N, C-alpha and C. Protein backbone atom coordinates (compact mmCIF):
# COMPACT_ATOMS: atom_id res chain seq x y z
N MET A 1 33.83 8.29 -12.79
CA MET A 1 33.15 9.75 -11.57
C MET A 1 32.40 8.62 -10.81
N PHE A 2 32.74 8.42 -9.85
CA PHE A 2 31.53 7.65 -8.87
C PHE A 2 31.14 8.49 -7.47
N THR A 3 29.63 8.63 -7.32
CA THR A 3 28.63 9.56 -7.22
C THR A 3 27.82 9.21 -6.34
N ILE A 4 27.56 9.46 -4.95
CA ILE A 4 26.17 8.62 -4.44
C ILE A 4 25.08 9.59 -3.78
N LYS A 5 23.79 9.85 -4.60
CA LYS A 5 23.31 10.47 -3.50
C LYS A 5 22.03 9.57 -2.53
N LYS A 6 22.03 10.49 -1.57
CA LYS A 6 21.36 10.01 -0.15
C LYS A 6 20.41 10.73 -0.17
N ASP A 7 18.74 10.22 0.12
CA ASP A 7 17.76 11.45 0.73
C ASP A 7 17.92 11.51 2.36
N SER A 8 17.15 12.55 2.59
CA SER A 8 17.62 12.71 3.88
C SER A 8 17.22 11.70 4.66
N ILE A 9 16.03 11.03 4.24
CA ILE A 9 15.65 10.37 5.31
C ILE A 9 15.96 8.61 5.04
N MET A 10 16.64 8.63 4.13
CA MET A 10 16.96 7.18 4.11
C MET A 10 18.59 7.00 4.72
N THR A 11 19.25 6.27 5.58
CA THR A 11 20.32 5.91 5.53
C THR A 11 20.81 4.83 4.68
N GLU A 12 20.36 4.26 3.44
CA GLU A 12 21.36 3.89 2.78
C GLU A 12 21.27 4.55 1.11
N PRO A 13 21.99 4.15 0.21
CA PRO A 13 22.08 4.81 -0.38
C PRO A 13 20.94 4.94 -1.72
N GLU A 14 20.43 5.85 -2.40
CA GLU A 14 19.26 6.06 -3.34
C GLU A 14 19.62 5.56 -4.26
N THR A 15 20.69 6.30 -5.05
CA THR A 15 20.81 6.48 -6.50
C THR A 15 22.67 6.59 -6.55
N MET A 16 22.82 5.96 -7.68
CA MET A 16 24.84 6.36 -7.63
C MET A 16 25.02 6.31 -9.38
N MET A 17 25.83 7.02 -9.33
CA MET A 17 26.20 7.81 -10.44
C MET A 17 27.84 6.92 -11.37
N ILE A 18 27.62 6.19 -12.01
CA ILE A 18 28.82 5.51 -12.68
C ILE A 18 29.06 5.85 -14.10
N ASN A 19 30.41 6.31 -14.27
CA ASN A 19 30.46 7.09 -15.75
C ASN A 19 29.62 7.75 -16.46
N LYS A 20 28.83 8.81 -15.85
CA LYS A 20 27.75 9.13 -16.07
C LYS A 20 26.77 8.52 -16.29
N VAL A 21 26.34 7.53 -16.15
CA VAL A 21 25.10 6.59 -15.46
C VAL A 21 24.25 6.63 -14.15
N GLU A 22 23.09 7.35 -14.44
CA GLU A 22 22.06 6.81 -12.74
C GLU A 22 22.07 6.01 -12.41
N TYR A 23 22.20 4.62 -11.55
CA TYR A 23 21.43 3.69 -11.17
C TYR A 23 20.57 4.10 -10.08
N VAL A 24 19.43 3.41 -9.90
CA VAL A 24 18.81 3.63 -8.87
C VAL A 24 18.30 1.85 -8.06
N ARG A 25 18.50 1.99 -6.63
CA ARG A 25 18.41 0.82 -6.30
C ARG A 25 16.64 0.22 -6.41
N LYS A 26 17.17 -1.02 -6.73
CA LYS A 26 15.59 -2.24 -7.30
C LYS A 26 14.58 -2.03 -6.38
N ASP A 27 15.08 -1.62 -4.81
CA ASP A 27 14.14 -1.81 -4.04
C ASP A 27 13.56 -0.23 -3.82
N SER A 28 13.73 0.38 -4.35
CA SER A 28 13.49 1.75 -4.12
C SER A 28 12.16 1.93 -5.35
N LEU A 29 11.96 1.26 -6.29
CA LEU A 29 10.88 1.63 -6.79
C LEU A 29 9.94 1.12 -6.51
N ILE A 30 8.73 1.92 -7.12
CA ILE A 30 7.45 1.53 -6.45
C ILE A 30 6.77 1.28 -7.36
N THR A 31 6.43 -0.16 -7.28
CA THR A 31 5.66 -0.72 -8.07
C THR A 31 4.51 -1.16 -7.66
N GLN A 32 3.23 -1.46 -8.18
CA GLN A 32 1.67 -1.66 -7.62
C GLN A 32 1.84 -3.22 -8.32
N VAL A 33 0.99 -3.85 -6.87
CA VAL A 33 0.65 -5.10 -7.15
C VAL A 33 -0.56 -5.48 -8.12
N VAL A 34 -0.18 -6.31 -9.10
CA VAL A 34 -0.90 -6.19 -10.04
C VAL A 34 -1.30 -7.87 -9.67
N ASP A 35 -2.50 -8.81 -10.15
CA ASP A 35 -3.00 -10.14 -9.82
C ASP A 35 -3.82 -9.81 -10.94
N ASP A 36 -3.84 -11.38 -11.94
CA ASP A 36 -5.08 -11.21 -12.59
C ASP A 36 -5.44 -10.25 -13.20
N GLY A 37 -4.80 -9.10 -13.76
CA GLY A 37 -5.27 -7.86 -14.28
C GLY A 37 -5.53 -6.83 -13.07
N LEU A 38 -5.94 -7.41 -11.85
CA LEU A 38 -6.73 -6.27 -10.75
C LEU A 38 -5.81 -5.45 -9.98
N VAL A 39 -6.24 -4.32 -10.09
CA VAL A 39 -5.16 -3.81 -9.44
C VAL A 39 -4.87 -3.57 -7.70
N TYR A 40 -4.16 -3.56 -6.86
CA TYR A 40 -4.55 -3.68 -5.07
C TYR A 40 -4.56 -2.47 -4.98
N CYS A 41 -5.07 -1.76 -4.13
CA CYS A 41 -5.20 -0.33 -3.70
C CYS A 41 -6.09 -0.25 -2.31
N MET A 42 -5.64 0.65 -1.40
CA MET A 42 -6.14 1.44 -0.35
C MET A 42 -7.08 2.06 -0.91
N VAL A 43 -8.41 1.55 -0.45
CA VAL A 43 -9.89 2.72 -1.01
C VAL A 43 -10.34 3.53 0.35
N ARG A 44 -10.15 4.62 0.38
CA ARG A 44 -11.14 5.36 1.53
C ARG A 44 -12.28 5.74 1.27
N THR A 45 -13.39 5.38 2.18
CA THR A 45 -14.58 5.63 2.00
C THR A 45 -15.04 6.68 2.69
N TYR A 46 -16.59 7.63 2.33
CA TYR A 46 -16.91 8.53 3.29
C TYR A 46 -17.36 8.51 4.73
N SER A 47 -18.23 6.85 4.92
CA SER A 47 -18.41 6.76 6.44
C SER A 47 -18.36 4.85 6.58
N ALA A 48 -17.66 4.18 5.60
CA ALA A 48 -17.14 2.33 6.06
C ALA A 48 -15.74 2.65 6.69
N GLY A 49 -14.87 3.56 5.96
CA GLY A 49 -13.36 3.74 6.76
C GLY A 49 -13.01 3.21 5.16
N VAL A 50 -11.81 2.55 5.63
CA VAL A 50 -10.83 2.24 4.89
C VAL A 50 -10.54 0.64 4.38
N PHE A 51 -10.16 0.51 3.13
CA PHE A 51 -9.80 -1.65 2.74
C PHE A 51 -8.82 -1.11 1.85
N ALA A 52 -8.04 -2.53 1.91
CA ALA A 52 -7.09 -3.28 1.00
C ALA A 52 -7.71 -4.10 -0.03
N GLY A 53 -7.63 -4.01 -1.25
CA GLY A 53 -8.24 -4.66 -1.48
C GLY A 53 -7.90 -4.39 -3.37
N TYR A 54 -8.11 -5.81 -4.27
CA TYR A 54 -8.02 -5.80 -5.48
C TYR A 54 -9.68 -5.00 -6.06
N ILE A 55 -9.28 -4.04 -7.06
CA ILE A 55 -10.66 -3.06 -7.71
C ILE A 55 -11.15 -4.01 -8.88
N GLN A 56 -12.27 -4.91 -8.73
CA GLN A 56 -13.37 -5.34 -9.31
C GLN A 56 -14.01 -4.70 -10.68
N ARG A 57 -14.52 -4.00 -9.77
CA ARG A 57 -15.45 -2.83 -10.89
C ARG A 57 -15.54 -1.62 -9.98
N ARG A 58 -15.70 -0.67 -10.36
CA ARG A 58 -15.94 0.50 -10.25
C ARG A 58 -16.75 1.23 -10.85
N ASN A 59 -18.51 2.29 -10.82
CA ASN A 59 -19.52 2.33 -11.19
C ASN A 59 -19.43 3.98 -11.01
N GLY A 60 -18.82 5.33 -10.86
CA GLY A 60 -18.68 6.61 -10.08
C GLY A 60 -18.42 5.94 -8.78
N LYS A 61 -18.68 6.74 -7.75
CA LYS A 61 -18.31 6.84 -6.34
C LYS A 61 -18.27 4.88 -5.97
N ASP A 62 -19.09 3.80 -6.34
CA ASP A 62 -19.29 2.41 -6.04
C ASP A 62 -18.18 1.76 -6.82
N VAL A 63 -17.22 0.57 -5.48
CA VAL A 63 -16.73 0.32 -6.24
C VAL A 63 -16.14 -1.29 -5.40
N THR A 64 -16.42 -2.38 -6.13
CA THR A 64 -16.48 -3.56 -5.66
C THR A 64 -15.16 -3.96 -5.41
N LEU A 65 -14.63 -4.34 -4.14
CA LEU A 65 -13.27 -5.16 -4.33
C LEU A 65 -13.18 -6.55 -3.50
N VAL A 66 -12.03 -6.93 -4.35
CA VAL A 66 -12.47 -9.10 -3.75
C VAL A 66 -11.21 -8.86 -3.78
N ASN A 67 -11.23 -10.28 -2.53
CA ASN A 67 -9.68 -10.58 -1.38
C ASN A 67 -9.21 -9.04 -0.65
N ALA A 68 -10.39 -8.57 -0.09
CA ALA A 68 -10.12 -7.03 0.94
C ALA A 68 -10.30 -7.39 2.31
N ARG A 69 -9.29 -6.77 3.26
CA ARG A 69 -9.37 -6.34 4.26
C ARG A 69 -9.30 -4.86 4.93
N ARG A 70 -10.68 -4.73 5.84
CA ARG A 70 -10.95 -3.42 6.44
C ARG A 70 -9.52 -2.88 7.22
N MET A 71 -8.80 -1.93 7.24
CA MET A 71 -7.56 -1.41 8.07
C MET A 71 -8.55 -0.45 9.14
N ARG A 72 -8.89 -0.88 10.22
CA ARG A 72 -9.65 -0.11 11.59
C ARG A 72 -8.43 0.41 12.26
N TYR A 73 -7.50 0.32 12.16
CA TYR A 73 -6.58 0.78 13.19
C TYR A 73 -4.78 0.50 12.53
N TRP A 74 -3.93 1.23 12.22
CA TRP A 74 -2.31 1.14 11.77
C TRP A 74 -1.44 1.94 12.61
N GLU A 75 -0.27 1.46 13.22
CA GLU A 75 0.85 2.33 13.35
C GLU A 75 2.09 2.03 12.26
N GLY A 76 2.81 2.91 12.41
CA GLY A 76 3.85 2.56 11.35
C GLY A 76 4.25 3.26 10.39
N ALA A 77 2.90 4.21 10.36
CA ALA A 77 2.77 4.96 9.01
C ALA A 77 2.06 6.13 9.14
N MET A 78 2.44 7.33 8.41
CA MET A 78 1.70 8.42 9.08
C MET A 78 0.78 8.61 9.06
N ASP A 79 -0.03 8.44 7.11
CA ASP A 79 -1.11 8.19 6.91
C ASP A 79 -1.66 7.31 5.74
N LEU A 80 -2.67 7.35 5.29
CA LEU A 80 -2.89 5.80 3.74
C LEU A 80 -1.91 6.47 3.15
N SER A 81 -1.37 7.14 2.26
CA SER A 81 -0.42 7.42 1.56
C SER A 81 1.02 6.59 1.94
N GLN A 82 1.45 7.08 2.92
CA GLN A 82 2.68 6.39 3.31
C GLN A 82 2.25 4.93 3.59
N LEU A 83 1.21 4.62 4.29
CA LEU A 83 1.13 2.95 4.17
C LEU A 83 1.05 2.35 3.02
N ALA A 84 0.24 3.31 2.12
CA ALA A 84 0.10 2.13 0.74
C ALA A 84 1.59 2.11 -0.07
N ILE A 85 2.41 3.08 -0.03
CA ILE A 85 3.85 3.07 -0.50
C ILE A 85 5.07 2.32 0.47
N ASP A 86 4.76 2.57 1.76
CA ASP A 86 5.58 2.09 2.24
C ASP A 86 5.45 1.21 3.39
N GLY A 87 4.09 0.65 3.60
CA GLY A 87 3.80 -0.33 4.58
C GLY A 87 3.90 0.70 5.63
N THR A 88 3.37 -0.63 6.59
CA THR A 88 3.85 -0.55 8.29
C THR A 88 4.94 -0.71 9.03
N LYS A 89 5.39 -0.08 9.35
CA LYS A 89 6.77 -0.62 10.15
C LYS A 89 6.40 -1.13 11.50
N LYS A 90 4.95 -1.08 12.06
CA LYS A 90 4.57 -2.13 13.23
C LYS A 90 3.59 -2.86 12.74
N PRO A 91 3.28 -3.86 11.93
CA PRO A 91 2.41 -5.03 11.82
C PRO A 91 1.88 -5.21 13.07
N GLU A 92 2.89 -5.68 14.29
CA GLU A 92 2.12 -5.84 15.37
C GLU A 92 0.86 -5.07 16.23
N LYS A 93 0.89 -3.87 15.75
CA LYS A 93 0.21 -3.17 16.16
C LYS A 93 -1.37 -2.55 15.57
N CYS A 94 -1.15 -3.20 14.25
CA CYS A 94 -1.81 -2.60 13.15
C CYS A 94 -3.51 -3.93 13.33
N LYS A 95 -4.43 -3.18 13.51
CA LYS A 95 -5.71 -4.22 13.31
C LYS A 95 -6.49 -3.88 12.21
N PHE A 96 -6.73 -5.29 11.74
CA PHE A 96 -6.71 -4.96 10.25
C PHE A 96 -7.81 -6.60 10.43
N THR A 97 -9.11 -7.02 9.77
CA THR A 97 -9.95 -7.60 9.69
C THR A 97 -9.14 -8.65 8.82
N ARG A 98 -10.05 -9.83 8.74
CA ARG A 98 -10.16 -11.10 8.18
C ARG A 98 -9.95 -10.56 6.83
N GLU A 99 -9.98 -11.06 5.75
CA GLU A 99 -9.86 -10.85 4.68
C GLU A 99 -11.49 -11.49 3.59
N VAL A 100 -12.12 -10.71 3.18
CA VAL A 100 -13.71 -11.23 2.88
C VAL A 100 -13.37 -11.17 1.44
N PRO A 101 -14.44 -12.12 0.65
CA PRO A 101 -14.04 -12.50 -0.71
C PRO A 101 -14.01 -10.97 -1.27
N GLU A 102 -15.03 -10.83 -0.96
CA GLU A 102 -15.77 -9.57 -2.33
C GLU A 102 -16.47 -8.29 -1.18
N VAL A 103 -16.54 -7.31 -1.49
CA VAL A 103 -17.53 -5.78 -0.63
C VAL A 103 -17.34 -4.73 -1.90
N THR A 104 -18.53 -4.61 -1.78
CA THR A 104 -18.91 -3.60 -2.27
C THR A 104 -19.05 -2.03 -1.41
N LEU A 105 -18.21 -1.07 -2.09
CA LEU A 105 -18.91 0.41 -1.05
C LEU A 105 -18.85 1.49 -2.31
N THR A 106 -19.80 1.97 -1.32
CA THR A 106 -20.17 3.28 -1.74
C THR A 106 -19.48 4.68 -1.03
N GLU A 107 -19.59 5.51 -1.77
CA GLU A 107 -19.38 6.60 -1.28
C GLU A 107 -17.80 6.52 -1.21
N VAL A 108 -17.20 5.88 -2.13
CA VAL A 108 -15.51 6.05 -2.56
C VAL A 108 -14.99 7.08 -2.67
N ILE A 109 -14.18 8.06 -2.00
CA ILE A 109 -13.76 9.24 -1.77
C ILE A 109 -12.16 9.15 -2.41
N GLU A 110 -11.56 8.25 -1.81
CA GLU A 110 -10.02 8.15 -2.45
C GLU A 110 -9.47 6.57 -2.81
N PHE A 111 -8.64 6.85 -3.84
CA PHE A 111 -7.84 5.23 -4.22
C PHE A 111 -6.61 5.49 -4.31
N ILE A 112 -5.67 4.55 -3.61
CA ILE A 112 -4.20 4.47 -3.76
C ILE A 112 -3.43 2.93 -4.43
N PRO A 113 -2.91 3.32 -5.30
CA PRO A 113 -2.20 1.84 -5.44
C PRO A 113 -1.58 1.30 -4.70
N ILE A 114 -0.80 0.41 -4.19
CA ILE A 114 -0.30 -0.14 -3.13
C ILE A 114 0.63 -1.36 -3.94
N SER A 115 1.41 -0.78 -2.82
CA SER A 115 3.31 -0.80 -3.24
C SER A 115 3.48 -2.30 -3.15
N LYS A 116 4.63 -3.67 -3.75
CA LYS A 116 4.75 -4.29 -3.42
C LYS A 116 5.40 -4.56 -2.06
N LYS A 117 6.34 -3.54 -1.61
CA LYS A 117 6.29 -3.48 -0.27
C LYS A 117 5.38 -3.32 0.91
N ALA A 118 4.39 -2.65 0.30
CA ALA A 118 3.58 -2.39 1.29
C ALA A 118 2.92 -3.33 1.67
N ALA A 119 2.10 -4.24 0.45
CA ALA A 119 1.51 -5.05 0.26
C ALA A 119 2.04 -6.31 1.24
N LYS A 120 3.68 -6.36 1.36
CA LYS A 120 4.26 -7.28 2.01
C LYS A 120 3.41 -7.31 4.08
N THR A 121 3.88 -5.72 3.92
CA THR A 121 3.54 -5.53 5.38
C THR A 121 2.35 -5.65 5.34
N ILE A 122 1.40 -5.45 5.09
CA ILE A 122 -0.25 -5.85 5.00
C ILE A 122 -0.73 -7.17 5.22
N ALA A 123 0.03 -8.17 4.54
CA ALA A 123 -0.32 -9.45 4.83
C ALA A 123 0.43 -9.96 5.78
N GLU A 124 1.43 -9.15 6.31
CA GLU A 124 1.99 -9.34 7.74
C GLU A 124 1.20 -9.32 9.17
N VAL A 125 0.05 -8.43 8.58
CA VAL A 125 -0.99 -8.10 9.90
C VAL A 125 -1.90 -9.18 10.31
N ILE A 126 -1.95 -9.79 11.78
CA ILE A 126 -2.70 -10.85 11.96
C ILE A 126 -3.80 -10.20 12.25
N VAL A 127 -5.05 -11.51 12.02
CA VAL A 127 -6.51 -11.16 11.69
C VAL A 127 -6.86 -10.48 13.37
N CYS A 128 -7.41 -9.16 13.54
CA CYS A 128 -8.02 -8.66 14.74
C CYS A 128 -8.70 -9.98 15.40
N GLN A 129 -8.46 -9.83 16.56
CA GLN A 129 -9.25 -10.52 17.77
C GLN A 129 -10.13 -9.39 18.20
N VAL A 130 -11.39 -10.29 18.38
CA VAL A 130 -12.10 -9.62 19.54
C VAL A 130 -12.10 -10.04 20.69
């Protein structure tokens, strides 16, 4: 027996069943980016905006990120959740800053791990020039 399930949004099969075993497309798996034990996350603060970087330290609402970019503006994703999972479909329209080696943020209100797929599109966004 062979059946294919489709997500209502996807145009390609998401899973398929062969002999009562369900197989999932490898590129549909959400895996977070980890480098040297540090997790790559989208971090939203109360007043400093949104950053993508590796969490080095956390103390309550204070967080230190390494290799971090401030994300001033994006298109191609509805919100941060989608941006962290799917990335941007329009990297040329996004405005992200240069990566800084380290930044300490206070009043962090949200963390979202960034998938490998999203990390690739974030890296494709050129540094915004003024």
